[in-house]
Amino acid sequence: MNILMVTNTFTPHVGGVARSVQSYCDAFRQLGHKVLVIAPHFEGAPEHEPDVLRFPAIEHFHGSDFSVPLPAPVGLQSRLDDFAPDIVHSHHPFLLGDTALRAAAKRQLPMVFTHHTMYERYTHYLPIDSERVRRFAIELAVGYCNLCDAVVAPSTTLADCLRNRGVQSPIEVIPTGIDPQPFAQADGAAFRRKIGIPEEDFLIGYLGRLSPEKNLVFLARAVAIFMQQQPRTRMLLAGEGPAREEVQRIFSEYRLSDRLHLVGLLDRPELASAYQAMDGFVFASQSETQGMVLAEAMAAGTPVIAVAAPGVRDIVRNGHNGRLLTKEDTDLFVEGLRWLYDQPNEDRKRLQNGALDTSRDFSMSRSAERMLALYGRLMAGHNKVPSNHKRWLAARHRMEEECKILHNITHALAEALRAEPGLQPRENNE
């Protein structure tokens, strides 16, 4: 099978979508399939990538670590013709997401879209942010879903949310899997020694992009309050992003800078060891649809303390692998940390085993098999176009797709303008 992946974020960008796309690409190739990735250029991208077609892009858009793709590079269509994809899989409902729709329409191919993100929680990266902009993001994504043959939701809570918002295309729940091998070889004790954390200290950790949508200001303050109450506690943050300085400021405010360990970006083996070094993984993001880091933490046997959100509810279970907090509340989060801290060794071991048990449901091999099965069903049910009609039908479908894309944008804009300032989305997406 020849699989075309189209994404606005890809390596070396650090983030859940980029890692998800890369993980699926690796798994598909190991199973003998061919994959071509279309993505923008990012700073630090390799010069020669045989299976990646990069769009020129505006890097670090609006001070972020994202790239905004520019018009298609010369040779795009010939490259796609040479690759001859059997299916198109898009990972964003805008920018290169429209390129994916056009590629599928021109070649009469099945079109799959994975809804990775609560896009309305990322509008602060735009020059203008408002409730109307957030409503536009919701409506645009819903309309995009309905232009696709199938939508992949990484969690059941997201699938329910999408149906409530008006998605009518078939929705398949397939979480992004994780590779268990690095975790089997991890050495948390060695990682602690490397960064100077005593074996007996209670280590709280977070790993991921240090960005506003991850709710790190709330998280840092709650952890800092708990750490003030317990002197043998420390905080580990792995990752980079614009929220780093704000987190440092909060720990400085609480006079805890010497117990905050910022280790930056880590490679895969180090990531697994960092997870294993933690006594508890903390998470407060409301923008996730799955939260791959939760499954990764559990693959290292690390219990999770997290605020309930789409995707989070699918993996964190009270008393089995951590603590799921019903709402974003500082006192509640501090109490959750204190609960984990006070667990006897035997009960903490039970939580660790529960985390390991949960992680087995999120293996990459299982996720890849389910995704390939979806591809196969879509391809089997897709109408084949006679060769003598292909050119005429391709032109017609390309024009129809352009009209659909334009209609989706104008409809989303109209809905956003109709919404009153301060109006909440019509469904509960928490």
Protein backbone atom coordinates (compact mmCIF):
# COMPACT_ATOMS: atom_id res chain seq x y z
CA MET A 1 0.00 0.00 0.00
CA ASN A 2 1.24 3.52 -0.83
CA ILE A 3 0.17 5.91 1.91
CA LEU A 4 0.31 9.70 1.56
CA MET A 5 0.59 11.50 4.93
CA VAL A 6 -0.08 15.27 4.93
CA THR A 7 0.71 17.25 8.08
CA ASN A 8 1.47 20.80 9.20
CA THR A 9 3.87 19.56 11.89
CA PHE A 10 6.60 16.97 11.48
CA THR A 11 10.07 16.27 12.75
CA PRO A 12 12.18 17.98 13.95
CA HIS A 13 9.20 19.82 15.48
CA VAL A 14 8.52 18.52 18.99
CA GLY A 15 4.87 17.77 19.63
CA GLY A 16 2.24 15.07 19.79
CA VAL A 17 1.09 15.34 16.17
CA ALA A 18 4.62 15.20 14.76
CA ARG A 19 5.42 12.20 16.93
CA SER A 20 2.16 10.49 15.99
CA VAL A 21 2.79 10.89 12.27
CA GLN A 22 6.37 9.67 12.61
CA SER A 23 5.31 6.67 14.70
CA TYR A 24 2.72 5.57 12.16
CA CYS A 25 5.17 6.08 9.29
CA ASP A 26 7.75 3.89 11.02
CA ALA A 27 5.21 1.19 11.82
CA PHE A 28 3.76 1.11 8.30
CA ARG A 29 7.21 0.89 6.71
CA GLN A 30 8.19 -1.95 9.02
CA LEU A 31 5.12 -3.82 7.75
CA GLY A 32 6.26 -3.35 4.14
CA HIS A 33 4.13 -0.36 3.09
CA LYS A 34 5.42 2.79 1.41
CA VAL A 35 4.80 6.20 2.98
CA LEU A 36 5.36 9.69 1.58
CA VAL A 37 5.04 12.61 4.02
CA ILE A 38 4.13 16.14 2.91
CA ALA A 39 5.08 18.70 5.56
CA PRO A 40 6.40 22.26 5.94
CA HIS A 41 10.07 22.96 6.42
CA PHE A 42 11.19 23.33 10.03
CA GLU A 43 14.46 24.65 11.35
CA GLY A 44 16.86 21.74 11.71
CA ALA A 45 15.13 19.51 9.17
CA PRO A 46 17.54 17.14 7.36
CA GLU A 47 18.66 18.24 3.91
CA HIS A 48 18.00 14.85 2.33
CA GLU A 49 14.78 13.05 3.26
CA PRO A 50 13.91 10.42 0.63
CA ASP A 51 10.35 9.88 1.89
CA VAL A 52 9.46 13.48 2.81
CA LEU A 53 8.40 16.36 0.55
CA ARG A 54 8.89 19.70 2.30
CA PHE A 55 6.95 22.87 1.53
CA PRO A 56 8.81 26.17 1.93
CA ALA A 57 7.46 27.83 5.07
CA ILE A 58 7.44 30.82 7.39
CA GLU A 59 9.25 29.37 10.39
CA HIS A 60 8.57 30.38 14.02
CA PHE A 61 5.26 31.91 12.99
CA HIS A 62 4.15 34.69 15.36
CA GLY A 63 6.92 33.77 17.79
CA SER A 64 5.86 30.12 18.04
CA ASP A 65 7.70 26.92 17.14
CA PHE A 66 5.26 26.25 14.28
CA SER A 67 5.88 26.69 10.55
CA VAL A 68 3.26 28.05 8.12
CA PRO A 69 3.64 26.47 4.66
CA LEU A 70 3.93 28.69 1.59
CA PRO A 71 2.64 27.79 -1.92
CA ALA A 72 3.48 24.32 -3.18
CA PRO A 73 7.04 23.66 -4.34
CA VAL A 74 7.77 23.01 -7.99
CA GLY A 75 7.41 19.33 -8.79
CA LEU A 76 4.70 18.50 -6.24
CA GLN A 77 2.32 16.90 -8.75
CA SER A 78 5.02 14.93 -10.53
CA ARG A 79 6.29 13.65 -7.17
CA LEU A 80 2.77 12.53 -6.26
CA ASP A 81 2.30 10.94 -9.68
CA ASP A 82 5.55 9.01 -9.24
CA PHE A 83 4.54 7.87 -5.75
CA ALA A 84 1.01 6.85 -6.92
CA PRO A 85 -0.71 6.91 -3.51
CA ASP A 86 -3.53 4.51 -2.72
CA ILE A 87 -4.93 6.61 0.11
CA VAL A 88 -4.51 10.13 1.53
CA HIS A 89 -4.29 10.72 5.28
CA SER A 90 -4.49 14.31 6.51
CA HIS A 91 -3.54 15.43 10.02
CA HIS A 92 -4.79 19.04 10.00
CA PRO A 93 -8.02 20.70 8.74
CA PHE A 94 -6.29 23.79 7.33
CA LEU A 95 -3.18 24.87 5.39
CA LEU A 96 -1.75 21.59 4.05
CA GLY A 97 -5.02 19.92 4.98
CA ASP A 98 -6.51 21.55 1.88
CA THR A 99 -3.59 20.21 -0.16
CA ALA A 100 -4.56 16.73 1.03
CA LEU A 101 -8.17 17.24 -0.08
CA ARG A 102 -7.04 18.38 -3.52
CA ALA A 103 -4.65 15.45 -3.92
CA ALA A 104 -7.38 12.96 -3.01
CA ALA A 105 -9.96 14.59 -5.29
CA LYS A 106 -7.64 14.77 -8.28
CA ARG A 107 -6.70 11.09 -7.99
CA GLN A 108 -10.10 9.86 -6.77
CA LEU A 109 -8.61 8.39 -3.60
CA PRO A 110 -10.13 7.72 -0.18
CA MET A 111 -9.50 10.57 2.28
CA VAL A 112 -8.84 10.03 6.01
CA PHE A 113 -8.43 12.77 8.62
CA THR A 114 -7.14 12.35 12.18
CA HIS A 115 -8.55 15.00 14.53
CA HIS A 116 -5.53 15.33 16.82
CA THR A 117 -6.23 18.62 18.53
CA MET A 118 -8.83 20.89 20.11
CA TYR A 119 -7.93 23.63 17.64
CA GLU A 120 -9.87 26.36 19.42
CA ARG A 121 -7.33 26.15 22.24
CA TYR A 122 -4.46 27.07 19.92
CA THR A 123 -5.81 30.38 18.57
CA HIS A 124 -3.48 32.37 20.85
CA TYR A 125 -0.77 31.66 18.25
CA LEU A 126 -2.67 33.83 15.75
CA PRO A 127 -2.19 37.60 15.48
CA ILE A 128 -5.87 38.03 16.44
CA ASP A 129 -7.50 35.89 19.13
CA SER A 130 -11.12 36.11 20.24
CA GLU A 131 -14.19 33.99 20.93
CA ARG A 132 -15.20 34.41 17.29
CA VAL A 133 -11.81 33.11 16.13
CA ARG A 134 -12.21 30.09 18.39
CA ARG A 135 -15.70 29.46 17.02
CA PHE A 136 -14.28 29.70 13.50
CA ALA A 137 -11.67 27.05 14.37
CA ILE A 138 -14.38 24.69 15.65
CA GLU A 139 -16.65 25.14 12.63
CA LEU A 140 -13.77 24.82 10.16
CA ALA A 141 -12.66 21.52 11.69
CA VAL A 142 -16.20 20.11 11.74
CA GLY A 143 -16.73 21.05 8.09
CA TYR A 144 -13.38 19.51 7.16
CA CYS A 145 -14.33 16.25 8.89
CA ASN A 146 -17.47 16.10 6.76
CA LEU A 147 -15.41 16.43 3.57
CA CYS A 148 -13.52 13.23 4.42
CA ASP A 149 -14.42 9.58 3.92
CA ALA A 150 -13.50 8.75 7.52
CA VAL A 151 -12.35 10.57 10.65
CA VAL A 152 -9.96 9.06 13.18
CA ALA A 153 -10.45 10.15 16.79
CA PRO A 154 -7.66 9.17 19.18
CA SER A 155 -10.14 8.77 22.07
CA THR A 156 -13.80 7.93 22.67
CA THR A 157 -14.36 11.24 24.46
CA LEU A 158 -13.19 13.12 21.38
CA ALA A 159 -15.35 10.95 19.12
CA ASP A 160 -18.40 11.84 21.23
CA CYS A 161 -17.42 15.52 21.13
CA LEU A 162 -17.12 15.49 17.33
CA ARG A 163 -20.53 13.87 16.93
CA ASN A 164 -22.05 16.48 19.24
CA ARG A 165 -20.47 19.20 17.13
CA GLY A 166 -22.04 17.90 13.95
CA VAL A 167 -19.53 15.52 12.34
CA GLN A 168 -21.45 13.11 10.12
CA SER A 169 -18.58 11.23 8.48
CA PRO A 170 -17.81 7.80 9.97
CA ILE A 171 -15.59 8.12 13.06
CA GLU A 172 -13.10 5.42 14.03
CA VAL A 173 -11.48 5.53 17.49
CA ILE A 174 -7.80 4.64 17.11
CA PRO A 175 -5.34 5.96 19.72
CA THR A 176 -1.80 6.69 18.64
CA GLY A 177 0.27 3.82 19.94
CA ILE A 178 3.64 3.81 21.66
CA ASP A 179 6.72 1.68 21.10
CA PRO A 180 7.35 -0.33 24.30
CA GLN A 181 10.99 -1.17 23.49
CA PRO A 182 12.66 2.04 24.80
CA PHE A 183 10.80 1.66 28.10
CA ALA A 184 11.98 -1.91 28.57
CA GLN A 185 15.56 -0.59 28.37
CA ALA A 186 15.03 2.55 30.48
CA ASP A 187 17.09 3.30 33.59
CA GLY A 188 15.37 5.82 35.83
CA ALA A 189 17.94 5.48 38.62
CA ALA A 190 20.79 6.33 36.25
CA PHE A 191 18.84 9.35 34.94
CA ARG A 192 18.36 10.62 38.50
CA ARG A 193 22.07 10.31 39.20
CA LYS A 194 22.89 12.12 35.96
CA ILE A 195 20.87 15.23 36.86
CA GLY A 196 21.55 15.14 40.59
CA ILE A 197 18.27 13.96 42.10
CA PRO A 198 18.65 11.90 45.30
CA GLU A 199 17.13 8.44 45.17
CA GLU A 200 14.94 9.09 48.22
CA ASP A 201 13.38 12.33 46.94
CA PHE A 202 9.84 12.30 45.54
CA LEU A 203 10.08 13.39 41.90
CA ILE A 204 7.13 14.98 40.11
CA GLY A 205 7.52 15.24 36.34
CA TYR A 206 6.12 16.74 33.16
CA LEU A 207 7.34 16.03 29.64
CA GLY A 208 6.21 17.81 26.48
CA ARG A 209 6.08 21.18 24.79
CA LEU A 210 6.35 24.03 27.27
CA SER A 211 3.60 26.13 25.71
CA PRO A 212 0.54 28.06 26.93
CA GLU A 213 -2.04 25.54 25.69
CA LYS A 214 -0.52 22.91 27.99
CA ASN A 215 -1.80 24.91 31.01
CA LEU A 216 1.65 24.98 32.58
CA VAL A 217 1.08 28.11 34.66
CA PHE A 218 -1.70 26.39 36.59
CA LEU A 219 0.33 23.17 36.77
CA ALA A 220 3.51 24.86 37.99
CA ARG A 221 1.69 26.80 40.70
CA ALA A 222 -0.12 23.72 42.01
CA VAL A 223 3.10 21.69 42.09
CA ALA A 224 5.01 24.55 43.75
CA ILE A 225 2.40 24.82 46.53
CA PHE A 226 2.66 21.08 47.16
CA MET A 227 6.46 21.18 47.13
CA GLN A 228 6.48 23.94 49.76
CA GLN A 229 4.64 21.55 52.05
CA GLN A 230 7.00 18.64 51.40
CA PRO A 231 10.73 19.44 51.52
CA ARG A 232 11.93 16.13 49.98
CA THR A 233 10.19 16.76 46.65
CA ARG A 234 11.45 17.95 43.28
CA MET A 235 10.02 18.86 39.86
CA LEU A 236 11.39 17.66 36.51
CA LEU A 237 10.42 19.41 33.26
CA ALA A 238 11.58 17.94 29.96
CA GLY A 239 10.92 19.95 26.81
CA GLU A 240 11.21 23.44 25.38
CA GLY A 241 8.78 26.19 24.54
CA PRO A 242 7.62 29.74 25.25
CA ALA A 243 6.18 28.91 28.70
CA ARG A 244 9.60 27.93 30.11
CA GLU A 245 10.38 31.36 31.57
CA GLU A 246 6.95 31.67 33.18
CA VAL A 247 7.39 28.29 34.88
CA GLN A 248 10.81 29.36 36.14
CA ARG A 249 9.33 32.61 37.45
CA ILE A 250 6.67 30.74 39.44
CA PHE A 251 9.21 28.41 41.08
CA SER A 252 11.39 31.41 41.86
CA GLU A 253 8.39 33.15 43.44
CA TYR A 254 7.95 30.15 45.76
CA ARG A 255 11.72 29.99 46.42
CA LEU A 256 11.95 26.55 44.82
CA SER A 257 14.32 27.22 41.92
CA ASP A 258 16.92 24.84 43.35
CA ARG A 259 14.38 21.99 43.26
CA LEU A 260 13.23 22.60 39.68
CA HIS A 261 15.12 20.56 37.08
CA LEU A 262 14.78 21.77 33.48
CA VAL A 263 16.48 19.28 31.17
CA GLY A 264 15.37 20.54 27.74
CA LEU A 265 14.81 18.21 24.81
CA LEU A 266 15.71 14.56 25.26
CA ASP A 267 16.24 11.76 22.74
CA ARG A 268 14.03 8.68 22.82
CA PRO A 269 16.12 6.50 25.17
CA GLU A 270 16.56 9.46 27.56
CA LEU A 271 12.83 10.20 27.43
CA ALA A 272 11.99 6.69 28.59
CA SER A 273 14.50 6.93 31.43
CA ALA A 274 13.15 10.35 32.44
CA TYR A 275 9.62 8.94 32.69
CA GLN A 276 10.88 6.02 34.74
CA ALA A 277 12.77 8.35 37.09
CA MET A 278 9.51 10.06 38.11
CA ASP A 279 7.34 9.04 41.05
CA GLY A 280 4.36 10.77 39.47
CA PHE A 281 3.58 12.38 36.11
CA VAL A 282 1.43 15.52 36.20
CA PHE A 283 -0.80 16.84 33.43
CA ALA A 284 -3.29 19.72 33.26
CA SER A 285 -3.72 20.39 29.53
CA GLN A 286 -7.26 20.85 28.22
CA SER A 287 -6.17 20.90 24.56
CA GLU A 288 -5.37 17.20 24.11
CA THR A 289 -7.43 14.61 22.29
CA GLN A 290 -5.37 11.73 23.66
CA GLY A 291 -2.26 12.85 25.47
CA MET A 292 0.42 10.46 24.23
CA VAL A 293 2.64 11.46 27.13
CA LEU A 294 0.18 9.82 29.53
CA ALA A 295 0.50 6.46 27.79
CA GLU A 296 4.27 6.88 27.65
CA ALA A 297 4.47 7.68 31.37
CA MET A 298 2.42 4.57 32.11
CA ALA A 299 4.66 2.48 29.85
CA ALA A 300 7.45 3.44 32.27
CA GLY A 301 5.29 2.38 35.22
CA THR A 302 4.69 5.96 36.38
CA PRO A 303 1.27 6.85 37.87
CA VAL A 304 -0.45 9.98 36.55
CA ILE A 305 -2.17 12.90 38.26
CA ALA A 306 -4.25 14.73 35.63
CA VAL A 307 -7.16 17.09 35.15
CA ALA A 308 -10.08 15.47 33.30
CA ALA A 309 -10.16 16.43 29.61
CA PRO A 310 -10.89 14.80 26.23
CA GLY A 311 -8.53 11.86 25.86
CA VAL A 312 -7.33 12.01 29.45
CA ARG A 313 -10.53 10.36 30.66
CA ASP A 314 -9.84 7.41 28.36
CA ILE A 315 -6.61 6.43 30.07
CA VAL A 316 -6.40 7.74 33.68
CA ARG A 317 -8.40 5.65 36.17
CA ASN A 318 -8.66 6.57 39.82
CA GLY A 319 -6.82 4.20 42.11
CA HIS A 320 -5.69 1.95 39.26
CA ASN A 321 -3.00 3.98 37.48
CA GLY A 322 -3.25 7.40 39.08
CA ARG A 323 -5.74 10.11 39.98
CA LEU A 324 -8.20 11.81 37.63
CA LEU A 325 -9.26 15.23 38.93
CA THR A 326 -12.79 16.29 38.03
CA LYS A 327 -11.97 19.95 37.42
CA GLU A 328 -9.14 22.45 37.16
CA ASP A 329 -8.71 23.50 40.79
CA THR A 330 -5.42 24.24 42.55
CA ASP A 331 -6.47 22.81 45.92
CA LEU A 332 -7.77 19.67 44.22
CA PHE A 333 -4.52 19.20 42.32
CA VAL A 334 -2.43 19.68 45.47
CA GLU A 335 -4.61 17.14 47.27
CA GLY A 336 -4.08 14.68 44.39
CA LEU A 337 -0.30 15.05 44.68
CA ARG A 338 -0.50 14.61 48.45
CA TRP A 339 -2.57 11.44 47.93
CA LEU A 340 0.12 9.93 45.71
CA TYR A 341 2.90 11.07 48.02
CA ASP A 342 1.23 9.43 51.04
CA GLN A 343 0.68 6.06 49.35
CA PRO A 344 2.46 3.22 51.17
CA ASN A 345 5.13 1.44 49.12
CA GLU A 346 2.85 -1.54 48.51
CA ASP A 347 0.02 0.65 47.18
CA ARG A 348 2.41 2.72 45.09
CA LYS A 349 3.70 -0.49 43.53
CA ARG A 350 0.10 -1.46 42.74
CA LEU A 351 -0.39 1.89 40.97
CA GLN A 352 2.80 1.31 38.98
CA ASN A 353 1.57 -2.12 37.89
CA GLY A 354 -1.78 -0.61 36.95
CA ALA A 355 0.00 1.95 34.79
CA LEU A 356 2.00 -0.76 33.03
CA ASP A 357 -1.17 -2.78 32.48
CA THR A 358 -2.94 0.23 30.92
CA SER A 359 -0.05 1.01 28.59
CA ARG A 360 -0.34 -2.41 26.92
CA ASP A 361 -3.62 -1.28 25.36
CA PHE A 362 -1.69 1.48 23.55
CA SER A 363 0.90 -0.51 21.62
CA MET A 364 1.94 0.98 18.27
CA SER A 365 1.66 -2.36 16.51
CA ARG A 366 -2.00 -2.67 17.51
CA SER A 367 -2.77 0.91 16.46
CA ALA A 368 -1.02 0.49 13.10
CA GLU A 369 -2.96 -2.71 12.37
CA ARG A 370 -6.25 -0.96 13.12
CA MET A 371 -5.33 2.01 10.92
CA LEU A 372 -4.33 -0.25 8.03
CA ALA A 373 -7.60 -2.15 8.41
CA LEU A 374 -9.48 1.16 8.10
CA TYR A 375 -7.47 2.05 4.99
CA GLY A 376 -8.30 -1.34 3.49
CA ARG A 377 -12.05 -0.96 4.09
CA LEU A 378 -12.08 2.52 2.55
CA MET A 379 -10.11 1.39 -0.49
CA ALA A 380 -12.36 -1.63 -1.01
CA GLY A 381 -15.46 0.53 -0.91
CA HIS A 382 -14.10 3.33 -3.06
CA ASN A 383 -15.37 3.61 -6.62
CA LYS A 384 -12.79 2.76 -9.25
CA VAL A 385 -12.57 5.20 -12.13
CA PRO A 386 -12.21 3.78 -15.68
CA SER A 387 -8.89 4.88 -17.18
CA ASN A 388 -10.54 6.52 -20.21
CA HIS A 389 -12.57 8.76 -17.87
CA LYS A 390 -9.85 9.65 -15.40
CA ARG A 391 -8.67 12.95 -16.86
CA TRP A 392 -12.16 14.43 -17.26
CA LEU A 393 -13.34 13.18 -13.87
CA ALA A 394 -10.18 14.39 -12.16
CA ALA A 395 -10.78 17.92 -13.47
CA ARG A 396 -14.43 17.83 -12.46
CA HIS A 397 -13.73 16.51 -8.97
CA ARG A 398 -10.92 19.00 -8.47
CA MET A 399 -13.34 21.85 -9.22
CA GLU A 400 -15.95 20.34 -6.92
CA GLU A 401 -13.39 19.99 -4.14
CA GLU A 402 -12.32 23.63 -4.49
CA CYS A 403 -15.97 24.65 -4.14
CA LYS A 404 -16.34 22.48 -1.03
CA ILE A 405 -13.18 23.91 0.54
CA LEU A 406 -14.36 27.47 -0.13
CA HIS A 407 -17.84 26.69 1.18
CA ASN A 408 -16.39 25.21 4.37
CA ILE A 409 -14.31 28.34 4.99
CA THR A 410 -17.17 30.75 4.30
CA HIS A 411 -19.60 28.70 6.41
CA ALA A 412 -17.17 28.65 9.34
CA LEU A 413 -16.63 32.38 8.97
CA ALA A 414 -20.38 33.05 8.88
CA GLU A 415 -20.95 30.97 12.03
CA ALA A 416 -18.11 32.78 13.80
CA LEU A 417 -19.49 36.20 12.88
CA ARG A 418 -22.98 35.16 13.97
CA ALA A 419 -21.72 34.14 17.40
CA GLU A 420 -21.93 36.81 20.08
CA PRO A 421 -18.68 37.69 21.89
CA GLY A 422 -18.30 35.45 24.92
CA LEU A 423 -20.65 32.80 23.53
CA GLN A 424 -19.55 29.29 24.45
CA PRO A 425 -19.39 26.45 21.89
CA ARG A 426 -22.69 24.65 21.55
CA GLU A 427 -21.40 21.49 23.20
CA ASN A 428 -19.42 20.63 26.29
CA ASN A 429 -15.94 19.82 24.98
CA GLU A 430 -14.37 19.33 28.35
